[in-house]
C-alpha atoms as a PDB file:
ATOM      1  CA  MET A   1      26.892  16.823 -16.887  1.00  0.00           C
ATOM      2  CA  LEU A   2      23.161  16.322 -16.467  1.00  0.00           C
ATOM      3  CA  ILE A   3      23.398  12.610 -17.251  1.00  0.00           C
ATOM      4  CA  LEU A   4      26.042  12.170 -14.535  1.00  0.00           C
ATOM      5  CA  SER A   5      23.659  13.467 -11.884  1.00  0.00           C
ATOM      6  CA  PHE A   6      20.813  11.133 -12.934  1.00  0.00           C
ATOM      7  CA  PRO A   7      21.626   8.303 -10.446  1.00  0.00           C
ATOM      8  CA  TYR A   8      21.794  10.804  -7.600  1.00  0.00           C
ATOM      9  CA  VAL A   9      18.433  12.268  -8.568  1.00  0.00           C
ATOM     10  CA  ILE A  10      16.908   8.761  -8.554  1.00  0.00           C
ATOM     11  CA  VAL A  11      18.244   8.103  -5.027  1.00  0.00           C
ATOM     12  CA  ILE A  12      16.951  11.463  -3.759  1.00  0.00           C
ATOM     13  CA  ILE A  13      13.512  10.897  -5.334  1.00  0.00           C
ATOM     14  CA  GLY A  14      13.374   7.442  -3.737  1.00  0.00           C
ATOM     15  CA  ALA A  15      14.294   8.853  -0.332  1.00  0.00           C
ATOM     16  CA  ALA A  16      11.721  11.637  -0.568  1.00  0.00           C
ATOM     17  CA  THR A  17       8.966   9.276  -1.731  1.00  0.00           C
ATOM     18  CA  GLY A  18       9.710   6.767   1.018  1.00  0.00           C
ATOM     19  CA  SER A  19       9.769   9.516   3.601  1.00  0.00           C
ATOM     20  CA  ALA A  20       6.410  10.894   2.472  1.00  0.00           C
ATOM     21  CA  PHE A  21       4.676   7.512   2.626  1.00  0.00           C
ATOM     22  CA  THR A  22       6.318   6.607   5.938  1.00  0.00           C
ATOM     23  CA  ASN A  23       5.264   9.865   7.571  1.00  0.00           C
ATOM     24  CA  MET A  24       1.642   9.315   6.513  1.00  0.00           C
ATOM     25  CA  GLY A  25       1.559   5.887   8.165  1.00  0.00           C
ATOM     26  CA  LEU A  26       3.500   6.711  11.315  1.00  0.00           C
ATOM     27  CA  VAL A  27       1.039   9.302  12.571  1.00  0.00           C
ATOM     28  CA  ASP A  28      -1.689   6.711  13.176  1.00  0.00           C
ATOM     29  CA  TRP A  29      -0.072   3.601  14.560  1.00  0.00           C
ATOM     30  CA  TYR A  30       3.508   4.267  15.731  1.00  0.00           C
ATOM     31  CA  PRO A  31       2.630   6.239  18.896  1.00  0.00           C
ATOM     32  CA  ASN A  32       0.420   3.337  20.040  1.00  0.00           C
ATOM     33  CA  LEU A  33       3.168   0.689  19.882  1.00  0.00           C
ATOM     34  CA  ASN A  34       4.708  -0.720  23.047  1.00  0.00           C
ATOM     35  CA  LEU A  35       8.363   0.070  22.369  1.00  0.00           C
ATOM     36  CA  PRO A  36      11.313  -1.335  24.336  1.00  0.00           C
ATOM     37  CA  ALA A  37      13.345   1.019  26.499  1.00  0.00           C
ATOM     38  CA  TRP A  38      16.350   0.797  24.155  1.00  0.00           C
ATOM     39  CA  THR A  39      14.429   2.123  21.120  1.00  0.00           C
ATOM     40  CA  PRO A  40      16.490   4.917  19.522  1.00  0.00           C
ATOM     41  CA  THR A  41      15.000   8.374  19.143  1.00  0.00           C
ATOM     42  CA  GLY A  42      13.728   9.719  15.844  1.00  0.00           C
ATOM     43  CA  GLY A  43      16.821  11.880  15.428  1.00  0.00           C
ATOM     44  CA  ILE A  44      19.098   8.851  15.563  1.00  0.00           C
ATOM     45  CA  ILE A  45      16.953   6.944  13.078  1.00  0.00           C
ATOM     46  CA  GLY A  46      16.949   9.970  10.770  1.00  0.00           C
ATOM     47  CA  GLY A  47      20.731  10.149  10.949  1.00  0.00           C
ATOM     48  CA  VAL A  48      21.008   6.462  10.122  1.00  0.00           C
ATOM     49  CA  TRP A  49      18.779   6.853   7.051  1.00  0.00           C
ATOM     50  CA  ILE A  50      20.728   9.903   5.869  1.00  0.00           C
ATOM     51  CA  THR A  51      23.928   7.869   6.189  1.00  0.00           C
ATOM     52  CA  ILE A  52      22.385   4.980   4.247  1.00  0.00           C
ATOM     53  CA  TYR A  53      21.336   7.256   1.383  1.00  0.00           C
ATOM     54  CA  ILE A  54      24.712   9.024   1.274  1.00  0.00           C
ATOM     55  CA  LEU A  55      26.466   5.659   1.107  1.00  0.00           C
ATOM     56  CA  THR A  56      24.044   4.568  -1.627  1.00  0.00           C
ATOM     57  CA  MET A  57      24.974   7.608  -3.711  1.00  0.00           C
ATOM     58  CA  VAL A  58      28.685   6.972  -3.093  1.00  0.00           C
ATOM     59  CA  SER A  59      28.309   3.350  -4.204  1.00  0.00           C
ATOM     60  CA  VAL A  60      26.517   4.463  -7.387  1.00  0.00           C
ATOM     61  CA  MET A  61      29.376   6.878  -8.067  1.00  0.00           C
ATOM     62  CA  LEU A  62      31.982   4.152  -7.525  1.00  0.00           C
ATOM     63  CA  VAL A  63      30.185   1.714  -9.822  1.00  0.00           C
ATOM     64  CA  ARG A  64      29.816   4.350 -12.549  1.00  0.00           C
ATOM     65  CA  ASN A  65      33.514   5.243 -12.379  1.00  0.00           C
ATOM     66  CA  VAL A  66      34.825   1.704 -12.811  1.00  0.00           C
ATOM     67  CA  GLY A  67      36.744   1.317 -16.063  1.00  0.00           C
ATOM     68  CA  MET A  68      35.963  -0.960 -18.961  1.00  0.00           C
ATOM     69  CA  GLY A  69      37.131  -4.554 -18.918  1.00  0.00           C
ATOM     70  CA  GLU A  70      38.943  -6.342 -21.739  1.00  0.00           C
ATOM     71  CA  ASP A  71      35.648  -7.387 -23.326  1.00  0.00           C
ATOM     72  CA  GLY A  72      34.425  -3.776 -23.529  1.00  0.00           C
ATOM     73  CA  LYS A  73      31.955  -4.155 -20.665  1.00  0.00           C
ATOM     74  CA  ARG A  74      32.062  -2.331 -17.380  1.00  0.00           C
ATOM     75  CA  GLN A  75      33.943  -4.399 -14.826  1.00  0.00           C
ATOM     76  CA  SER A  76      31.408  -3.763 -12.092  1.00  0.00           C
ATOM     77  CA  PHE A  77      28.629  -5.358 -14.083  1.00  0.00           C
END
C-alpha cells in the first residue's frame, strides 16, 4: 500500500517546496508591483493551485491504473 501512495507524496512534496520558495520571494517584490484592477485575490489563486495539484494527483492515479497492453507494457506509456 505504501508504494501506491508514492506518486501522491511526490506531488505533495513538490507543492510544499514550491510554496515555501514562492512565499520567500513574494514578501519583497510582489507588494511593489503595479497590478491591474482585474488581478485576482490571493484566495482565488490559492484555490486555483489547490485544484491544479488535485487534478495532478488524479491524473497520476489514472495513469497508474491503466491496464497492460498486448506487448506487456502499460498502455499509457
